[in-house]
Amino acid sequence: MEVVFTQDVPNKARAGEVRRVPDGYARNYLLPQGLAVMSTPEVLKRLGKIKKAGDDVRLRETKVLEELKEALDNTEIAVQARVTPTGRYYGAITATHISMSLAEVTGREVERRWIEVAEPIREPGEYDIMLRFSSEIAATIHVTAGAEE
């Protein structure tokens, strides 16, 4: 089925693009969510307006993410968890823990999917963690993992 995307869909298409997608994907997800409309001659006439609206939304989102990057870049946070007698954590410090600590320190909501942790932190120490807001906007934070008393 050929559809015109009305909004950006990550890893699929940008607003205003005409793409052929599987019928079930279009019927069950894209069309009900309002992310795309079926490609008709009337919709194709409005393609320029759809592209412009998508570009405007993308520009606003980029501006907000740039401001967030500036606020969070080089932020230092401390995270603590219980440690075993061998010096490793009972569990691990994950992106969720880091996200909650960042929210407490900065007062801004940080989604855990933005936090790129190659593998969960299993031992106390200092770590540099990358926050990737989009493909071109990234920040680095410093995490000090400690032991709970």
C-alpha atoms as a PDB file:
ATOM      1  CA  MET A   1       0.000   0.000   0.000  1.00  0.00           C
ATOM      2  CA  GLU A   2       1.317   3.438  -0.871  1.00  0.00           C
ATOM      3  CA  VAL A   3       0.982   6.061   1.883  1.00  0.00           C
ATOM      4  CA  VAL A   4       2.015   9.655   2.492  1.00  0.00           C
ATOM      5  CA  PHE A   5       3.565  10.134   5.922  1.00  0.00           C
ATOM      6  CA  THR A   6       2.046  13.072   7.804  1.00  0.00           C
ATOM      7  CA  GLN A   7       4.518  12.850  10.709  1.00  0.00           C
ATOM      8  CA  ASP A   8       8.062  11.617  11.156  1.00  0.00           C
ATOM      9  CA  VAL A   9       8.246   7.916  11.976  1.00  0.00           C
ATOM     10  CA  PRO A  10      11.704   7.012  13.311  1.00  0.00           C
ATOM     11  CA  ASN A  11      13.646   4.604  11.087  1.00  0.00           C
ATOM     12  CA  LYS A  12      10.828   4.570   8.507  1.00  0.00           C
ATOM     13  CA  ALA A  13      10.158   7.951   6.875  1.00  0.00           C
ATOM     14  CA  ARG A  14       9.907  11.690   7.372  1.00  0.00           C
ATOM     15  CA  ALA A  15       6.752  13.765   7.067  1.00  0.00           C
ATOM     16  CA  GLY A  16       5.788  14.329   3.439  1.00  0.00           C
ATOM     17  CA  GLU A  17       7.487  11.229   2.055  1.00  0.00           C
ATOM     18  CA  VAL A  18       5.539   8.833  -0.139  1.00  0.00           C
ATOM     19  CA  ARG A  19       6.416   5.228   0.623  1.00  0.00           C
ATOM     20  CA  ARG A  20       5.146   1.760  -0.123  1.00  0.00           C
ATOM     21  CA  VAL A  21       4.558  -0.116   3.137  1.00  0.00           C
ATOM     22  CA  PRO A  22       2.999  -3.488   3.973  1.00  0.00           C
ATOM     23  CA  ASP A  23      -0.812  -3.379   4.015  1.00  0.00           C
ATOM     24  CA  GLY A  24      -1.113  -4.618   7.597  1.00  0.00           C
ATOM     25  CA  TYR A  25       1.400  -2.079   8.903  1.00  0.00           C
ATOM     26  CA  ALA A  26      -0.529   0.739   7.236  1.00  0.00           C
ATOM     27  CA  ARG A  27      -4.025  -0.461   8.254  1.00  0.00           C
ATOM     28  CA  ASN A  28      -3.177  -1.467  11.809  1.00  0.00           C
ATOM     29  CA  TYR A  29      -0.647   1.158  12.858  1.00  0.00           C
ATOM     30  CA  LEU A  30       0.072   4.089  10.546  1.00  0.00           C
ATOM     31  CA  LEU A  31      -3.467   5.046   9.534  1.00  0.00           C
ATOM     32  CA  PRO A  32      -5.173   4.662  12.977  1.00  0.00           C
ATOM     33  CA  GLN A  33      -2.355   6.604  14.703  1.00  0.00           C
ATOM     34  CA  GLY A  34      -2.605   9.419  12.147  1.00  0.00           C
ATOM     35  CA  LEU A  35       1.034   8.980  11.131  1.00  0.00           C
ATOM     36  CA  ALA A  36       0.158   8.514   7.454  1.00  0.00           C
ATOM     37  CA  VAL A  37      -2.712   8.784   4.987  1.00  0.00           C
ATOM     38  CA  MET A  38      -3.391   6.741   1.874  1.00  0.00           C
ATOM     39  CA  SER A  39      -1.821   8.183  -1.240  1.00  0.00           C
ATOM     40  CA  THR A  40      -4.557   9.775  -3.363  1.00  0.00           C
ATOM     41  CA  PRO A  41      -4.376  12.551  -5.979  1.00  0.00           C
ATOM     42  CA  GLU A  42      -5.854  15.046  -3.479  1.00  0.00           C
ATOM     43  CA  VAL A  43      -3.238  14.182  -0.843  1.00  0.00           C
ATOM     44  CA  LEU A  44      -0.432  14.375  -3.391  1.00  0.00           C
ATOM     45  CA  LYS A  45      -1.530  17.956  -4.210  1.00  0.00           C
ATOM     46  CA  ARG A  46      -1.056  18.851  -0.520  1.00  0.00           C
ATOM     47  CA  LEU A  47       2.366  17.190  -0.353  1.00  0.00           C
ATOM     48  CA  GLY A  48       4.254  20.500  -0.178  1.00  0.00           C
ATOM     49  CA  LYS A  49       2.235  21.647   2.847  1.00  0.00           C
ATOM     50  CA  ILE A  50       2.761  18.323   4.605  1.00  0.00           C
ATOM     51  CA  LYS A  51       6.537  18.524   4.032  1.00  0.00           C
ATOM     52  CA  LYS A  52       6.660  22.099   5.326  1.00  0.00           C
ATOM     53  CA  ALA A  53       4.676  21.188   8.460  1.00  0.00           C
ATOM     54  CA  GLY A  54       7.029  18.250   9.083  1.00  0.00           C
ATOM     55  CA  ASP A  55      10.076  20.488   8.662  1.00  0.00           C
ATOM     56  CA  ASP A  56       8.631  23.019  11.120  1.00  0.00           C
ATOM     57  CA  VAL A  57       8.000  20.328  13.745  1.00  0.00           C
ATOM     58  CA  ARG A  58      11.488  18.889  13.211  1.00  0.00           C
ATOM     59  CA  LEU A  59      13.039  22.352  13.610  1.00  0.00           C
ATOM     60  CA  ARG A  60      11.184  22.983  16.899  1.00  0.00           C
ATOM     61  CA  GLU A  61      12.136  19.567  18.260  1.00  0.00           C
ATOM     62  CA  THR A  62      15.780  20.109  17.305  1.00  0.00           C
ATOM     63  CA  LYS A  63      15.811  23.445  19.116  1.00  0.00           C
ATOM     64  CA  VAL A  64      14.361  21.874  22.287  1.00  0.00           C
ATOM     65  CA  LEU A  65      16.854  18.999  22.139  1.00  0.00           C
ATOM     66  CA  GLU A  66      19.763  21.429  21.648  1.00  0.00           C
ATOM     67  CA  GLU A  67      18.684  23.317  24.775  1.00  0.00           C
ATOM     68  CA  LEU A  68      18.460  20.041  26.694  1.00  0.00           C
ATOM     69  CA  LYS A  69      21.916  19.051  25.443  1.00  0.00           C
ATOM     70  CA  GLU A  70      23.394  22.334  26.669  1.00  0.00           C
ATOM     71  CA  ALA A  71      21.764  21.875  30.079  1.00  0.00           C
ATOM     72  CA  LEU A  72      22.919  18.283  30.528  1.00  0.00           C
ATOM     73  CA  ASP A  73      26.348  18.267  28.876  1.00  0.00           C
ATOM     74  CA  ASN A  74      29.129  17.492  31.421  1.00  0.00           C
ATOM     75  CA  THR A  75      26.631  17.041  34.272  1.00  0.00           C
ATOM     76  CA  GLU A  76      27.961  14.959  37.135  1.00  0.00           C
ATOM     77  CA  ILE A  77      25.689  12.614  39.048  1.00  0.00           C
ATOM     78  CA  ALA A  78      26.224  10.077  41.802  1.00  0.00           C
ATOM     79  CA  VAL A  79      24.379   6.773  41.856  1.00  0.00           C
ATOM     80  CA  GLN A  80      24.572   4.287  44.697  1.00  0.00           C
ATOM     81  CA  ALA A  81      23.583   0.672  45.096  1.00  0.00           C
ATOM     82  CA  ARG A  82      24.248  -2.228  47.436  1.00  0.00           C
ATOM     83  CA  VAL A  83      27.556  -4.000  46.979  1.00  0.00           C
ATOM     84  CA  THR A  84      28.425  -7.663  47.550  1.00  0.00           C
ATOM     85  CA  PRO A  85      31.425  -8.679  49.663  1.00  0.00           C
ATOM     86  CA  THR A  86      33.371  -9.191  46.417  1.00  0.00           C
ATOM     87  CA  GLY A  87      32.908  -5.538  45.457  1.00  0.00           C
ATOM     88  CA  ARG A  88      30.330  -5.929  42.706  1.00  0.00           C
ATOM     89  CA  TYR A  89      26.733  -4.709  42.798  1.00  0.00           C
ATOM     90  CA  TYR A  90      23.987  -7.162  43.715  1.00  0.00           C
ATOM     91  CA  GLY A  91      22.140  -6.079  40.603  1.00  0.00           C
ATOM     92  CA  ALA A  92      23.402  -3.411  38.232  1.00  0.00           C
ATOM     93  CA  ILE A  93      23.031   0.282  37.608  1.00  0.00           C
ATOM     94  CA  THR A  94      21.040   0.624  34.405  1.00  0.00           C
ATOM     95  CA  ALA A  95      19.812   3.427  32.168  1.00  0.00           C
ATOM     96  CA  THR A  96      16.667   3.646  34.305  1.00  0.00           C
ATOM     97  CA  HIS A  97      18.687   4.385  37.461  1.00  0.00           C
ATOM     98  CA  ILE A  98      20.740   7.001  35.620  1.00  0.00           C
ATOM     99  CA  SER A  99      17.579   8.581  34.184  1.00  0.00           C
ATOM    100  CA  MET A 100      15.996   8.915  37.633  1.00  0.00           C
ATOM    101  CA  SER A 101      19.179  10.410  39.119  1.00  0.00           C
ATOM    102  CA  LEU A 102      19.465  12.908  36.259  1.00  0.00           C
ATOM    103  CA  ALA A 103      15.846  13.957  36.774  1.00  0.00           C
ATOM    104  CA  GLU A 104      16.529  14.563  40.481  1.00  0.00           C
ATOM    105  CA  VAL A 105      19.709  16.566  39.861  1.00  0.00           C
ATOM    106  CA  THR A 106      18.580  18.676  36.910  1.00  0.00           C
ATOM    107  CA  GLY A 107      14.826  18.854  37.450  1.00  0.00           C
ATOM    108  CA  ARG A 108      14.309  17.862  33.802  1.00  0.00           C
ATOM    109  CA  GLU A 109      12.751  14.674  32.549  1.00  0.00           C
ATOM    110  CA  VAL A 110      15.280  12.459  30.753  1.00  0.00           C
ATOM    111  CA  GLU A 111      14.018   9.447  28.826  1.00  0.00           C
ATOM    112  CA  ARG A 112      15.953   6.274  29.457  1.00  0.00           C
ATOM    113  CA  ARG A 113      16.099   5.469  25.735  1.00  0.00           C
ATOM    114  CA  TRP A 114      18.377   8.498  25.274  1.00  0.00           C
ATOM    115  CA  ILE A 115      20.971   6.980  27.613  1.00  0.00           C
ATOM    116  CA  GLU A 116      23.516   4.787  25.863  1.00  0.00           C
ATOM    117  CA  VAL A 117      25.050   2.354  28.325  1.00  0.00           C
ATOM    118  CA  ALA A 118      27.000  -0.347  26.488  1.00  0.00           C
ATOM    119  CA  GLU A 119      26.421  -2.722  29.382  1.00  0.00           C
ATOM    120  CA  PRO A 120      24.960  -2.175  32.849  1.00  0.00           C
ATOM    121  CA  ILE A 121      27.353  -0.802  35.458  1.00  0.00           C
ATOM    122  CA  ARG A 122      28.260  -3.701  37.754  1.00  0.00           C
ATOM    123  CA  GLU A 123      31.126  -2.241  39.810  1.00  0.00           C
ATOM    124  CA  PRO A 124      31.663   1.039  41.660  1.00  0.00           C
ATOM    125  CA  GLY A 125      33.717   3.607  39.791  1.00  0.00           C
ATOM    126  CA  GLU A 126      33.528   6.607  37.489  1.00  0.00           C
ATOM    127  CA  TYR A 127      31.955   6.325  34.071  1.00  0.00           C
ATOM    128  CA  ASP A 128      31.317   8.633  31.127  1.00  0.00           C
ATOM    129  CA  ILE A 129      27.871   7.969  29.664  1.00  0.00           C
ATOM    130  CA  MET A 130      26.628   9.204  26.291  1.00  0.00           C
ATOM    131  CA  LEU A 131      23.153  10.731  25.943  1.00  0.00           C
ATOM    132  CA  ARG A 132      21.967  10.533  22.336  1.00  0.00           C
ATOM    133  CA  PHE A 133      18.915  12.718  21.735  1.00  0.00           C
ATOM    134  CA  SER A 134      18.930  12.293  17.962  1.00  0.00           C
ATOM    135  CA  SER A 135      21.359  11.161  15.303  1.00  0.00           C
ATOM    136  CA  GLU A 136      23.224  14.483  15.394  1.00  0.00           C
ATOM    137  CA  ILE A 137      22.607  15.725  18.968  1.00  0.00           C
ATOM    138  CA  ALA A 138      24.510  14.056  21.816  1.00  0.00           C
ATOM    139  CA  ALA A 139      25.841  14.959  25.264  1.00  0.00           C
ATOM    140  CA  THR A 140      28.157  13.297  27.759  1.00  0.00           C
ATOM    141  CA  ILE A 141      27.518  12.998  31.485  1.00  0.00           C
ATOM    142  CA  HIS A 142      29.802  11.769  34.243  1.00  0.00           C
ATOM    143  CA  VAL A 143      28.443   9.082  36.562  1.00  0.00           C
ATOM    144  CA  THR A 144      30.073   8.240  39.858  1.00  0.00           C
ATOM    145  CA  ALA A 145      28.848   4.829  40.963  1.00  0.00           C
ATOM    146  CA  GLY A 146      29.254   4.246  44.660  1.00  0.00           C
ATOM    147  CA  ALA A 147      28.414   1.748  47.360  1.00  0.00           C
ATOM    148  CA  GLU A 148      25.465   2.160  49.717  1.00  0.00           C
ATOM    149  CA  GLU A 149      26.298   2.146  53.401  1.00  0.00           C
END
